[in-house]
PDB file of N, CA and C in Angstrom:
ATOM      1  N   MET A   1       0.803  -1.182  -0.021  1.00  0.00           N
ATOM      2  CA  MET A   1       0.032   0.004  -0.014  1.00  0.00           C
ATOM      3  C   MET A   1       0.880   1.243   0.007  1.00  0.00           C
ATOM      4  N   VAL A   2       1.898   1.212  -0.741  1.00  0.00           N
ATOM      5  CA  VAL A   2       2.855   2.338  -0.764  1.00  0.00           C
ATOM      6  C   VAL A   2       2.288   3.480  -1.582  1.00  0.00           C
ATOM      7  N   PHE A   3       1.379   3.158  -2.500  1.00  0.00           N
ATOM      8  CA  PHE A   3       0.828   4.206  -3.380  1.00  0.00           C
ATOM      9  C   PHE A   3      -0.086   5.172  -2.561  1.00  0.00           C
ATOM     10  N   LEU A   4      -0.491   4.781  -1.359  1.00  0.00           N
ATOM     11  CA  LEU A   4      -1.337   5.662  -0.546  1.00  0.00           C
ATOM     12  C   LEU A   4      -0.553   6.654   0.169  1.00  0.00           C
ATOM     13  N   THR A   5       0.737   6.474   0.303  1.00  0.00           N
ATOM     14  CA  THR A   5       1.579   7.443   1.088  1.00  0.00           C
ATOM     15  C   THR A   5       1.881   8.681   0.285  1.00  0.00           C
ATOM     16  N   SER A   6       1.330   8.790  -0.943  1.00  0.00           N
ATOM     17  CA  SER A   6       1.608   9.954  -1.763  1.00  0.00           C
ATOM     18  C   SER A   6       0.824  11.171  -1.279  1.00  0.00           C
ATOM     19  N   THR A   7      -0.196  10.918  -0.502  1.00  0.00           N
ATOM     20  CA  THR A   7      -0.995  12.065   0.040  1.00  0.00           C
ATOM     21  C   THR A   7      -0.208  12.784   1.110  1.00  0.00           C
ATOM     22  N   SER A   8      -0.565  14.054   1.371  1.00  0.00           N
ATOM     23  CA  SER A   8       0.150  14.880   2.271  1.00  0.00           C
ATOM     24  C   SER A   8      -0.282  14.679   3.683  1.00  0.00           C
ATOM     25  N   ASN A   9      -1.337  13.940   3.922  1.00  0.00           N
ATOM     26  CA  ASN A   9      -1.901  13.720   5.231  1.00  0.00           C
ATOM     27  C   ASN A   9      -1.647  12.315   5.725  1.00  0.00           C
ATOM     28  N   PRO A  10      -0.778  12.075   6.693  1.00  0.00           N
ATOM     29  CA  PRO A  10      -0.443  10.715   7.178  1.00  0.00           C
ATOM     30  C   PRO A  10      -1.679  10.069   7.835  1.00  0.00           C
ATOM     31  N   ILE A  11      -2.485  10.872   8.476  1.00  0.00           N
ATOM     32  CA  ILE A  11      -3.674  10.297   9.116  1.00  0.00           C
ATOM     33  C   ILE A  11      -4.623   9.713   8.084  1.00  0.00           C
ATOM     34  N   TRP A  12      -4.788  10.447   7.021  1.00  0.00           N
ATOM     35  CA  TRP A  12      -5.655  10.007   5.914  1.00  0.00           C
ATOM     36  C   TRP A  12      -5.115   8.734   5.332  1.00  0.00           C
ATOM     37  N   ASP A  13      -3.745   8.666   5.171  1.00  0.00           N
ATOM     38  CA  ASP A  13      -3.117   7.490   4.694  1.00  0.00           C
ATOM     39  C   ASP A  13      -3.445   6.250   5.537  1.00  0.00           C
ATOM     40  N   SER A  14      -3.414   6.476   6.873  1.00  0.00           N
ATOM     41  CA  SER A  14      -3.708   5.362   7.762  1.00  0.00           C
ATOM     42  C   SER A  14      -5.119   4.877   7.632  1.00  0.00           C
ATOM     43  N   VAL A  15      -6.078   5.852   7.495  1.00  0.00           N
ATOM     44  CA  VAL A  15      -7.495   5.495   7.308  1.00  0.00           C
ATOM     45  C   VAL A  15      -7.675   4.712   6.011  1.00  0.00           C
ATOM     46  N   LEU A  16      -7.056   5.153   4.947  1.00  0.00           N
ATOM     47  CA  LEU A  16      -7.215   4.505   3.719  1.00  0.00           C
ATOM     48  C   LEU A  16      -6.611   3.091   3.746  1.00  0.00           C
ATOM     49  N   CYS A  17      -5.483   2.979   4.372  1.00  0.00           N
ATOM     50  CA  CYS A  17      -4.820   1.621   4.488  1.00  0.00           C
ATOM     51  C   CYS A  17      -5.710   0.709   5.295  1.00  0.00           C
ATOM     52  N   GLN A  18      -6.293   1.165   6.365  1.00  0.00           N
ATOM     53  CA  GLN A  18      -7.142   0.315   7.161  1.00  0.00           C
ATOM     54  C   GLN A  18      -8.414  -0.106   6.410  1.00  0.00           C
ATOM     55  N   PHE A  19      -8.957   0.858   5.662  1.00  0.00           N
ATOM     56  CA  PHE A  19     -10.171   0.609   4.887  1.00  0.00           C
ATOM     57  C   PHE A  19      -9.869  -0.414   3.819  1.00  0.00           C
ATOM     58  N   LEU A  20      -8.775  -0.242   3.081  1.00  0.00           N
ATOM     59  CA  LEU A  20      -8.388  -1.185   2.063  1.00  0.00           C
ATOM     60  C   LEU A  20      -8.088  -2.583   2.602  1.00  0.00           C
ATOM     61  N   PHE A  21      -7.434  -2.566   3.750  1.00  0.00           N
ATOM     62  CA  PHE A  21      -7.106  -3.906   4.374  1.00  0.00           C
ATOM     63  C   PHE A  21      -8.363  -4.613   4.756  1.00  0.00           C
ATOM     64  N   ARG A  22      -9.343  -3.907   5.317  1.00  0.00           N
ATOM     65  CA  ARG A  22     -10.572  -4.603   5.750  1.00  0.00           C
ATOM     66  C   ARG A  22     -11.397  -5.003   4.498  1.00  0.00           C
ATOM     67  N   TRP A  23     -11.322  -4.254   3.460  1.00  0.00           N
ATOM     68  CA  TRP A  23     -12.046  -4.598   2.241  1.00  0.00           C
ATOM     69  C   TRP A  23     -11.418  -5.856   1.582  1.00  0.00           C
ATOM     70  N   LEU A  24     -10.094  -5.893   1.618  1.00  0.00           N
ATOM     71  CA  LEU A  24      -9.386  -7.039   1.007  1.00  0.00           C
ATOM     72  C   LEU A  24      -9.683  -8.277   1.838  1.00  0.00           C
ATOM     73  N   THR A  25      -9.727  -8.161   3.132  1.00  0.00           N
ATOM     74  CA  THR A  25      -9.955  -9.368   3.952  1.00  0.00           C
ATOM     75  C   THR A  25     -11.414  -9.822   3.774  1.00  0.00           C
ATOM     76  N   LYS A  26     -12.293  -8.902   3.501  1.00  0.00           N
ATOM     77  CA  LYS A  26     -13.702  -9.324   3.241  1.00  0.00           C
ATOM     78  C   LYS A  26     -13.830 -10.032   1.864  1.00  0.00           C
ATOM     79  N   VAL A  27     -13.099  -9.589   0.912  1.00  0.00           N
ATOM     80  CA  VAL A  27     -13.104 -10.198  -0.435  1.00  0.00           C
ATOM     81  C   VAL A  27     -12.544 -11.638  -0.373  1.00  0.00           C
ATOM     82  N   TYR A  28     -11.441 -11.742   0.300  1.00  0.00           N
ATOM     83  CA  TYR A  28     -10.808 -13.094   0.363  1.00  0.00           C
ATOM     84  C   TYR A  28     -11.248 -13.836   1.613  1.00  0.00           C
TER      85      TYR A  28
END
């Protein structure tokens, strides 16, 4: 999830990473 770190807000990056991780775990 390195592509998410391009944003200027680290907190937003964390939220996006958590959201993507949960979505991926639901898919698989």
